[in-house]
Amino acid sequence: MKKSIKYVVAALAVALPVMAAAQTKMSDADYCKALSDKYQTYVSNMQSGRSPMPESPDIRVAMDRCEKGDTAAGIPVLEQKLRNARIDLPSRG
């Protein structure tokens, strides 16, 4: 009985860090890129109909900031634009 408890404890000691590593969240840079890609795929394509609406400058700025590493400025704008378009946000992990 004591041996089996030791094996269970040892197995958990190995399994828990592995499971935690598998559930790590995506980096802000990757999330920002995923938001930009989703915006371009769904929202930009919806606007390219007969009379497309011009893309707002804040989207271009947000995407540019994401590319330059200023994710704190880009993420909120992209998230809001996707929510306004009723597009689900990408998963962070």
PDB file of N, CA and C in Angstrom:
ATOM      1  N   MET A   1       0.820  -1.192   0.000  1.00  0.00           N
ATOM      2  CA  MET A   1       0.000   0.000   0.000  1.00  0.00           C
ATOM      3  C   MET A   1       0.868   1.262   0.000  1.00  0.00           C
ATOM      4  N   LYS A   2       1.904   1.263   0.860  1.00  0.00           N
ATOM      5  CA  LYS A   2       2.772   2.428   0.932  1.00  0.00           C
ATOM      6  C   LYS A   2       3.536   2.625  -0.369  1.00  0.00           C
ATOM      7  N   LYS A   3       3.879   1.500  -1.029  1.00  0.00           N
ATOM      8  CA  LYS A   3       4.588   1.597  -2.310  1.00  0.00           C
ATOM      9  C   LYS A   3       3.707   2.263  -3.357  1.00  0.00           C
ATOM     10  N   SER A   4       2.438   1.880  -3.405  1.00  0.00           N
ATOM     11  CA  SER A   4       1.545   2.449  -4.414  1.00  0.00           C
ATOM     12  C   SER A   4       1.326   3.941  -4.168  1.00  0.00           C
ATOM     13  N   ILE A   5       1.285   4.353  -2.923  1.00  0.00           N
ATOM     14  CA  ILE A   5       1.147   5.776  -2.621  1.00  0.00           C
ATOM     15  C   ILE A   5       2.380   6.537  -3.090  1.00  0.00           C
ATOM     16  N   LYS A   6       3.556   5.946  -2.892  1.00  0.00           N
ATOM     17  CA  LYS A   6       4.790   6.582  -3.354  1.00  0.00           C
ATOM     18  C   LYS A   6       4.780   6.735  -4.873  1.00  0.00           C
ATOM     19  N   TYR A   7       4.288   5.712  -5.583  1.00  0.00           N
ATOM     20  CA  TYR A   7       4.222   5.779  -7.045  1.00  0.00           C
ATOM     21  C   TYR A   7       3.239   6.855  -7.503  1.00  0.00           C
ATOM     22  N   VAL A   8       2.120   6.954  -6.831  1.00  0.00           N
ATOM     23  CA  VAL A   8       1.127   7.973  -7.186  1.00  0.00           C
ATOM     24  C   VAL A   8       1.704   9.369  -6.961  1.00  0.00           C
ATOM     25  N   VAL A   9       2.358   9.565  -5.843  1.00  0.00           N
ATOM     26  CA  VAL A   9       2.971  10.861  -5.546  1.00  0.00           C
ATOM     27  C   VAL A   9       4.051  11.182  -6.576  1.00  0.00           C
ATOM     28  N   ALA A  10       4.862  10.205  -6.920  1.00  0.00           N
ATOM     29  CA  ALA A  10       5.914  10.417  -7.921  1.00  0.00           C
ATOM     30  C   ALA A  10       5.307  10.742  -9.282  1.00  0.00           C
ATOM     31  N   ALA A  11       4.250  10.037  -9.649  1.00  0.00           N
ATOM     32  CA  ALA A  11       3.592  10.291 -10.937  1.00  0.00           C
ATOM     33  C   ALA A  11       3.002  11.698 -10.976  1.00  0.00           C
ATOM     34  N   LEU A  12       2.382  12.112  -9.904  1.00  0.00           N
ATOM     35  CA  LEU A  12       1.830  13.467  -9.845  1.00  0.00           C
ATOM     36  C   LEU A  12       2.925  14.520  -9.898  1.00  0.00           C
ATOM     37  N   ALA A  13       4.036  14.247  -9.243  1.00  0.00           N
ATOM     38  CA  ALA A  13       5.147  15.196  -9.245  1.00  0.00           C
ATOM     39  C   ALA A  13       5.684  15.416 -10.654  1.00  0.00           C
ATOM     40  N   VAL A  14       5.622  14.393 -11.474  1.00  0.00           N
ATOM     41  CA  VAL A  14       6.077  14.509 -12.859  1.00  0.00           C
ATOM     42  C   VAL A  14       4.973  15.086 -13.739  1.00  0.00           C
ATOM     43  N   ALA A  15       3.740  14.661 -13.537  1.00  0.00           N
ATOM     44  CA  ALA A  15       2.637  15.039 -14.416  1.00  0.00           C
ATOM     45  C   ALA A  15       2.205  16.491 -14.252  1.00  0.00           C
ATOM     46  N   LEU A  16       2.181  17.000 -13.054  1.00  0.00           N
ATOM     47  CA  LEU A  16       1.677  18.355 -12.833  1.00  0.00           C
ATOM     48  C   LEU A  16       2.477  19.428 -13.570  1.00  0.00           C
ATOM     49  N   PRO A  17       3.804  19.435 -13.512  1.00  0.00           N
ATOM     50  CA  PRO A  17       4.538  20.448 -14.282  1.00  0.00           C
ATOM     51  C   PRO A  17       4.333  20.305 -15.793  1.00  0.00           C
ATOM     52  N   VAL A  18       4.206  19.080 -16.262  1.00  0.00           N
ATOM     53  CA  VAL A  18       3.975  18.856 -17.694  1.00  0.00           C
ATOM     54  C   VAL A  18       2.619  19.418 -18.088  1.00  0.00           C
ATOM     55  N   MET A  19       1.604  19.172 -17.280  1.00  0.00           N
ATOM     56  CA  MET A  19       0.267  19.689 -17.576  1.00  0.00           C
ATOM     57  C   MET A  19       0.241  21.212 -17.502  1.00  0.00           C
ATOM     58  N   ALA A  20       0.944  21.780 -16.563  1.00  0.00           N
ATOM     59  CA  ALA A  20       0.991  23.234 -16.434  1.00  0.00           C
ATOM     60  C   ALA A  20       1.667  23.862 -17.648  1.00  0.00           C
ATOM     61  N   ALA A  21       2.719  23.249 -18.130  1.00  0.00           N
ATOM     62  CA  ALA A  21       3.419  23.772 -19.305  1.00  0.00           C
ATOM     63  C   ALA A  21       2.544  23.694 -20.543  1.00  0.00           C
ATOM     64  N   ALA A  22       1.717  22.681 -20.637  1.00  0.00           N
ATOM     65  CA  ALA A  22       0.845  22.523 -21.797  1.00  0.00           C
ATOM     66  C   ALA A  22      -0.254  23.574 -21.816  1.00  0.00           C
ATOM     67  N   GLN A  23      -0.556  24.175 -20.675  1.00  0.00           N
ATOM     68  CA  GLN A  23      -1.635  25.140 -20.596  1.00  0.00           C
ATOM     69  C   GLN A  23      -1.141  26.581 -20.555  1.00  0.00           C
ATOM     70  N   THR A  24       0.093  26.827 -20.926  1.00  0.00           N
ATOM     71  CA  THR A  24       0.605  28.186 -20.884  1.00  0.00           C
ATOM     72  C   THR A  24      -0.124  29.042 -21.904  1.00  0.00           C
ATOM     73  N   LYS A  25      -0.313  30.287 -21.521  1.00  0.00           N
ATOM     74  CA  LYS A  25      -1.009  31.216 -22.396  1.00  0.00           C
ATOM     75  C   LYS A  25      -0.077  31.671 -23.515  1.00  0.00           C
ATOM     76  N   MET A  26      -0.679  32.063 -24.619  1.00  0.00           N
ATOM     77  CA  MET A  26       0.124  32.573 -25.724  1.00  0.00           C
ATOM     78  C   MET A  26       0.661  33.953 -25.338  1.00  0.00           C
ATOM     79  N   SER A  27       1.799  34.298 -25.883  1.00  0.00           N
ATOM     80  CA  SER A  27       2.416  35.587 -25.563  1.00  0.00           C
ATOM     81  C   SER A  27       1.546  36.723 -26.098  1.00  0.00           C
ATOM     82  N   ASP A  28       1.756  37.917 -25.564  1.00  0.00           N
ATOM     83  CA  ASP A  28       0.997  39.076 -26.031  1.00  0.00           C
ATOM     84  C   ASP A  28       1.258  39.341 -27.513  1.00  0.00           C
ATOM     85  N   ALA A  29       2.498  39.144 -27.948  1.00  0.00           N
ATOM     86  CA  ALA A  29       2.828  39.367 -29.361  1.00  0.00           C
ATOM     87  C   ALA A  29       2.074  38.385 -30.258  1.00  0.00           C
ATOM     88  N   ASP A  30       2.021  37.116 -29.851  1.00  0.00           N
ATOM     89  CA  ASP A  30       1.291  36.119 -30.641  1.00  0.00           C
ATOM     90  C   ASP A  30      -0.209  36.402 -30.632  1.00  0.00           C
ATOM     91  N   TYR A  31      -0.732  36.824 -29.482  1.00  0.00           N
ATOM     92  CA  TYR A  31      -2.157  37.142 -29.377  1.00  0.00           C
ATOM     93  C   TYR A  31      -2.489  38.353 -30.245  1.00  0.00           C
ATOM     94  N   CYS A  32      -1.635  39.350 -30.223  1.00  0.00           N
ATOM     95  CA  CYS A  32      -1.839  40.548 -31.034  1.00  0.00           C
ATOM     96  C   CYS A  32      -1.850  40.183 -32.522  1.00  0.00           C
ATOM     97  N   LYS A  33      -0.941  39.304 -32.917  1.00  0.00           N
ATOM     98  CA  LYS A  33      -0.892  38.840 -34.313  1.00  0.00           C
ATOM     99  C   LYS A  33      -2.156  38.073 -34.660  1.00  0.00           C
ATOM    100  N   ALA A  34      -2.625  37.232 -33.739  1.00  0.00           N
ATOM    101  CA  ALA A  34      -3.850  36.467 -33.982  1.00  0.00           C
ATOM    102  C   ALA A  34      -5.050  37.399 -34.131  1.00  0.00           C
ATOM    103  N   LEU A  35      -5.103  38.454 -33.323  1.00  0.00           N
ATOM    104  CA  LEU A  35      -6.182  39.437 -33.442  1.00  0.00           C
ATOM    105  C   LEU A  35      -6.120  40.142 -34.798  1.00  0.00           C
ATOM    106  N   SER A  36      -4.923  40.563 -35.193  1.00  0.00           N
ATOM    107  CA  SER A  36      -4.747  41.238 -36.483  1.00  0.00           C
ATOM    108  C   SER A  36      -5.156  40.332 -37.632  1.00  0.00           C
ATOM    109  N   ASP A  37      -4.707  39.086 -37.580  1.00  0.00           N
ATOM    110  CA  ASP A  37      -5.052  38.133 -38.639  1.00  0.00           C
ATOM    111  C   ASP A  37      -6.554  37.920 -38.718  1.00  0.00           C
ATOM    112  N   LYS A  38      -7.191  37.784 -37.564  1.00  0.00           N
ATOM    113  CA  LYS A  38      -8.635  37.552 -37.540  1.00  0.00           C
ATOM    114  C   LYS A  38      -9.377  38.772 -38.070  1.00  0.00           C
ATOM    115  N   TYR A  39      -8.924  39.955 -37.706  1.00  0.00           N
ATOM    116  CA  TYR A  39      -9.547  41.181 -38.210  1.00  0.00           C
ATOM    117  C   TYR A  39      -9.433  41.244 -39.729  1.00  0.00           C
ATOM    118  N   GLN A  40      -8.236  40.986 -40.240  1.00  0.00           N
ATOM    119  CA  GLN A  40      -8.037  41.051 -41.688  1.00  0.00           C
ATOM    120  C   GLN A  40      -8.847  39.983 -42.411  1.00  0.00           C
ATOM    121  N   THR A  41      -8.941  38.800 -41.830  1.00  0.00           N
ATOM    122  CA  THR A  41      -9.669  37.709 -42.466  1.00  0.00           C
ATOM    123  C   THR A  41     -11.163  37.973 -42.515  1.00  0.00           C
ATOM    124  N   TYR A  42     -11.732  38.414 -41.408  1.00  0.00           N
ATOM    125  CA  TYR A  42     -13.182  38.520 -41.322  1.00  0.00           C
ATOM    126  C   TYR A  42     -13.721  39.920 -41.548  1.00  0.00           C
ATOM    127  N   VAL A  43     -13.178  40.915 -40.890  1.00  0.00           N
ATOM    128  CA  VAL A  43     -13.744  42.255 -40.974  1.00  0.00           C
ATOM    129  C   VAL A  43     -13.327  42.945 -42.261  1.00  0.00           C
ATOM    130  N   SER A  44     -12.055  42.913 -42.602  1.00  0.00           N
ATOM    131  CA  SER A  44     -11.600  43.563 -43.833  1.00  0.00           C
ATOM    132  C   SER A  44     -12.264  42.949 -45.053  1.00  0.00           C
ATOM    133  N   ASN A  45     -12.415  41.636 -45.067  1.00  0.00           N
ATOM    134  CA  ASN A  45     -13.059  40.973 -46.199  1.00  0.00           C
ATOM    135  C   ASN A  45     -14.534  41.323 -46.297  1.00  0.00           C
ATOM    136  N   MET A  46     -15.202  41.548 -45.159  1.00  0.00           N
ATOM    137  CA  MET A  46     -16.615  41.929 -45.188  1.00  0.00           C
ATOM    138  C   MET A  46     -16.781  43.329 -45.747  1.00  0.00           C
ATOM    139  N   GLN A  47     -15.774  44.163 -45.602  1.00  0.00           N
ATOM    140  CA  GLN A  47     -15.872  45.548 -46.049  1.00  0.00           C
ATOM    141  C   GLN A  47     -15.495  45.719 -47.518  1.00  0.00           C
ATOM    142  N   SER A  48     -15.123  44.658 -48.187  1.00  0.00           N
ATOM    143  CA  SER A  48     -14.666  44.805 -49.573  1.00  0.00           C
ATOM    144  C   SER A  48     -15.768  44.477 -50.571  1.00  0.00           C
ATOM    145  N   GLY A  49     -17.001  44.808 -50.251  1.00  0.00           N
ATOM    146  CA  GLY A  49     -18.137  44.568 -51.142  1.00  0.00           C
ATOM    147  C   GLY A  49     -18.238  45.655 -52.196  1.00  0.00           C
ATOM    148  N   ARG A  50     -19.460  45.921 -52.654  1.00  0.00           N
ATOM    149  CA  ARG A  50     -19.674  46.929 -53.702  1.00  0.00           C
ATOM    150  C   ARG A  50     -19.233  48.320 -53.278  1.00  0.00           C
ATOM    151  N   SER A  51     -19.659  48.714 -52.104  1.00  0.00           N
ATOM    152  CA  SER A  51     -19.266  50.041 -51.619  1.00  0.00           C
ATOM    153  C   SER A  51     -18.549  49.876 -50.282  1.00  0.00           C
ATOM    154  N   PRO A  52     -17.291  49.466 -50.343  1.00  0.00           N
ATOM    155  CA  PRO A  52     -16.563  49.195 -49.105  1.00  0.00           C
ATOM    156  C   PRO A  52     -16.385  50.449 -48.261  1.00  0.00           C
ATOM    157  N   MET A  53     -16.472  50.255 -46.960  1.00  0.00           N
ATOM    158  CA  MET A  53     -16.210  51.354 -46.039  1.00  0.00           C
ATOM    159  C   MET A  53     -14.697  51.452 -45.855  1.00  0.00           C
ATOM    160  N   PRO A  54     -14.181  52.650 -45.798  1.00  0.00           N
ATOM    161  CA  PRO A  54     -12.735  52.770 -45.581  1.00  0.00           C
ATOM    162  C   PRO A  54     -12.351  52.243 -44.205  1.00  0.00           C
ATOM    163  N   GLU A  55     -11.192  51.634 -44.150  1.00  0.00           N
ATOM    164  CA  GLU A  55     -10.692  51.107 -42.882  1.00  0.00           C
ATOM    165  C   GLU A  55     -10.316  52.275 -41.977  1.00  0.00           C
ATOM    166  N   SER A  56     -10.704  52.187 -40.717  1.00  0.00           N
ATOM    167  CA  SER A  56     -10.420  53.292 -39.799  1.00  0.00           C
ATOM    168  C   SER A  56      -8.923  53.355 -39.499  1.00  0.00           C
ATOM    169  N   PRO A  57      -8.412  54.569 -39.340  1.00  0.00           N
ATOM    170  CA  PRO A  57      -6.975  54.721 -39.086  1.00  0.00           C
ATOM    171  C   PRO A  57      -6.518  54.047 -37.794  1.00  0.00           C
ATOM    172  N   ASP A  58      -7.410  53.964 -36.800  1.00  0.00           N
ATOM    173  CA  ASP A  58      -6.986  53.356 -35.538  1.00  0.00           C
ATOM    174  C   ASP A  58      -6.664  51.874 -35.691  1.00  0.00           C
ATOM    175  N   ILE A  59      -7.281  51.208 -36.655  1.00  0.00           N
ATOM    176  CA  ILE A  59      -6.957  49.798 -36.919  1.00  0.00           C
ATOM    177  C   ILE A  59      -5.540  49.687 -37.465  1.00  0.00           C
ATOM    178  N   ARG A  60      -5.215  50.526 -38.437  1.00  0.00           N
ATOM    179  CA  ARG A  60      -3.861  50.506 -39.007  1.00  0.00           C
ATOM    180  C   ARG A  60      -2.832  50.788 -37.919  1.00  0.00           C
ATOM    181  N   VAL A  61      -3.111  51.760 -37.063  1.00  0.00           N
ATOM    182  CA  VAL A  61      -2.184  52.110 -35.980  1.00  0.00           C
ATOM    183  C   VAL A  61      -2.043  50.935 -35.017  1.00  0.00           C
ATOM    184  N   ALA A  62      -3.171  50.305 -34.651  1.00  0.00           N
ATOM    185  CA  ALA A  62      -3.133  49.171 -33.717  1.00  0.00           C
ATOM    186  C   ALA A  62      -2.320  48.014 -34.293  1.00  0.00           C
ATOM    187  N   MET A  63      -2.536  47.704 -35.567  1.00  0.00           N
ATOM    188  CA  MET A  63      -1.781  46.617 -36.202  1.00  0.00           C
ATOM    189  C   MET A  63      -0.297  46.960 -36.277  1.00  0.00           C
ATOM    190  N   ASP A  64      -0.005  48.217 -36.579  1.00  0.00           N
ATOM    191  CA  ASP A  64       1.386  48.659 -36.648  1.00  0.00           C
ATOM    192  C   ASP A  64       2.056  48.560 -35.273  1.00  0.00           C
ATOM    193  N   ARG A  65       1.328  48.941 -34.243  1.00  0.00           N
ATOM    194  CA  ARG A  65       1.889  48.851 -32.887  1.00  0.00           C
ATOM    195  C   ARG A  65       2.146  47.404 -32.499  1.00  0.00           C
ATOM    196  N   CYS A  66       1.243  46.520 -32.891  1.00  0.00           N
ATOM    197  CA  CYS A  66       1.457  45.093 -32.613  1.00  0.00           C
ATOM    198  C   CYS A  66       2.736  44.606 -33.283  1.00  0.00           C
ATOM    199  N   GLU A  67       2.912  44.990 -34.542  1.00  0.00           N
ATOM    200  CA  GLU A  67       4.103  44.564 -35.280  1.00  0.00           C
ATOM    201  C   GLU A  67       5.380  45.107 -34.649  1.00  0.00           C
ATOM    202  N   LYS A  68       5.295  46.286 -34.048  1.00  0.00           N
ATOM    203  CA  LYS A  68       6.476  46.906 -33.440  1.00  0.00           C
ATOM    204  C   LYS A  68       6.673  46.504 -31.985  1.00  0.00           C
ATOM    205  N   GLY A  69       5.790  45.649 -31.469  1.00  0.00           N
ATOM    206  CA  GLY A  69       5.960  45.152 -30.109  1.00  0.00           C
ATOM    207  C   GLY A  69       5.203  45.907 -29.033  1.00  0.00           C
ATOM    208  N   ASP A  70       4.462  46.945 -29.405  1.00  0.00           N
ATOM    209  CA  ASP A  70       3.676  47.707 -28.426  1.00  0.00           C
ATOM    210  C   ASP A  70       2.287  47.079 -28.310  1.00  0.00           C
ATOM    211  N   THR A  71       2.263  45.876 -27.771  1.00  0.00           N
ATOM    212  CA  THR A  71       1.011  45.116 -27.714  1.00  0.00           C
ATOM    213  C   THR A  71      -0.005  45.734 -26.763  1.00  0.00           C
ATOM    214  N   ALA A  72       0.450  46.424 -25.731  1.00  0.00           N
ATOM    215  CA  ALA A  72      -0.469  47.043 -24.771  1.00  0.00           C
ATOM    216  C   ALA A  72      -1.351  48.090 -25.446  1.00  0.00           C
ATOM    217  N   ALA A  73      -0.851  48.720 -26.491  1.00  0.00           N
ATOM    218  CA  ALA A  73      -1.640  49.711 -27.216  1.00  0.00           C
ATOM    219  C   ALA A  73      -2.478  49.068 -28.323  1.00  0.00           C
ATOM    220  N   GLY A  74      -1.983  48.001 -28.914  1.00  0.00           N
ATOM    221  CA  GLY A  74      -2.680  47.390 -30.046  1.00  0.00           C
ATOM    222  C   GLY A  74      -3.807  46.452 -29.667  1.00  0.00           C
ATOM    223  N   ILE A  75      -3.611  45.660 -28.634  1.00  0.00           N
ATOM    224  CA  ILE A  75      -4.590  44.623 -28.276  1.00  0.00           C
ATOM    225  C   ILE A  75      -5.978  45.188 -27.965  1.00  0.00           C
ATOM    226  N   PRO A  76      -6.118  46.214 -27.109  1.00  0.00           N
ATOM    227  CA  PRO A  76      -7.473  46.683 -26.786  1.00  0.00           C
ATOM    228  C   PRO A  76      -8.252  47.194 -27.999  1.00  0.00           C
ATOM    229  N   VAL A  77      -7.572  47.872 -28.905  1.00  0.00           N
ATOM    230  CA  VAL A  77      -8.240  48.397 -30.098  1.00  0.00           C
ATOM    231  C   VAL A  77      -8.722  47.250 -30.982  1.00  0.00           C
ATOM    232  N   LEU A  78      -7.851  46.280 -31.216  1.00  0.00           N
ATOM    233  CA  LEU A  78      -8.223  45.145 -32.061  1.00  0.00           C
ATOM    234  C   LEU A  78      -9.341  44.319 -31.430  1.00  0.00           C
ATOM    235  N   GLU A  79      -9.262  44.107 -30.120  1.00  0.00           N
ATOM    236  CA  GLU A  79     -10.327  43.361 -29.445  1.00  0.00           C
ATOM    237  C   GLU A  79     -11.666  44.075 -29.595  1.00  0.00           C
ATOM    238  N   GLN A  80     -11.673  45.396 -29.406  1.00  0.00           N
ATOM    239  CA  GLN A  80     -12.924  46.149 -29.498  1.00  0.00           C
ATOM    240  C   GLN A  80     -13.491  46.120 -30.915  1.00  0.00           C
ATOM    241  N   LYS A  81     -12.633  46.261 -31.912  1.00  0.00           N
ATOM    242  CA  LYS A  81     -13.105  46.236 -33.303  1.00  0.00           C
ATOM    243  C   LYS A  81     -13.704  44.877 -33.652  1.00  0.00           C
ATOM    244  N   LEU A  82     -13.082  43.802 -33.174  1.00  0.00           N
ATOM    245  CA  LEU A  82     -13.635  42.466 -33.427  1.00  0.00           C
ATOM    246  C   LEU A  82     -14.959  42.282 -32.688  1.00  0.00           C
ATOM    247  N   ARG A  83     -15.041  42.753 -31.455  1.00  0.00           N
ATOM    248  CA  ARG A  83     -16.311  42.663 -30.711  1.00  0.00           C
ATOM    249  C   ARG A  83     -17.406  43.455 -31.415  1.00  0.00           C
ATOM    250  N   ASN A  84     -17.065  44.660 -31.897  1.00  0.00           N
ATOM    251  CA  ASN A  84     -18.047  45.484 -32.611  1.00  0.00           C
ATOM    252  C   ASN A  84     -18.571  44.778 -33.856  1.00  0.00           C
ATOM    253  N   ALA A  85     -17.701  43.992 -34.493  1.00  0.00           N
ATOM    254  CA  ALA A  85     -18.094  43.246 -35.696  1.00  0.00           C
ATOM    255  C   ALA A  85     -18.731  41.902 -35.344  1.00  0.00           C
ATOM    256  N   ARG A  86     -18.864  41.631 -34.045  1.00  0.00           N
ATOM    257  CA  ARG A  86     -19.439  40.379 -33.542  1.00  0.00           C
ATOM    258  C   ARG A  86     -18.648  39.151 -33.989  1.00  0.00           C
ATOM    259  N   ILE A  87     -17.341  39.315 -33.955  1.00  0.00           N
ATOM    260  CA  ILE A  87     -16.420  38.227 -34.272  1.00  0.00           C
ATOM    261  C   ILE A  87     -15.828  37.737 -32.953  1.00  0.00           C
ATOM    262  N   ASP A  88     -15.826  36.431 -32.745  1.00  0.00           N
ATOM    263  CA  ASP A  88     -15.245  35.868 -31.529  1.00  0.00           C
ATOM    264  C   ASP A  88     -13.748  36.137 -31.485  1.00  0.00           C
ATOM    265  N   LEU A  89     -13.271  36.473 -30.302  1.00  0.00           N
ATOM    266  CA  LEU A  89     -11.838  36.709 -30.123  1.00  0.00           C
ATOM    267  C   LEU A  89     -11.098  35.382 -30.120  1.00  0.00           C
ATOM    268  N   PRO A  90      -9.862  35.372 -30.624  1.00  0.00           N
ATOM    269  CA  PRO A  90      -9.078  34.133 -30.580  1.00  0.00           C
ATOM    270  C   PRO A  90      -8.762  33.750 -29.138  1.00  0.00           C
ATOM    271  N   SER A  91      -8.582  32.481 -28.919  1.00  0.00           N
ATOM    272  CA  SER A  91      -8.253  31.981 -27.587  1.00  0.00           C
ATOM    273  C   SER A  91      -6.819  32.349 -27.239  1.00  0.00           C
ATOM    274  N   ARG A  92      -6.593  32.664 -25.979  1.00  0.00           N
ATOM    275  CA  ARG A  92      -5.236  33.001 -25.532  1.00  0.00           C
ATOM    276  C   ARG A  92      -4.457  31.786 -25.080  1.00  0.00           C
ATOM    277  N   GLY A  93      -5.026  30.641 -25.143  1.00  0.00           N
ATOM    278  CA  GLY A  93      -4.255  29.483 -24.712  1.00  0.00           C
ATOM    279  C   GLY A  93      -5.089  28.354 -24.412  1.00  0.00           C
TER     280      GLY A  93
END
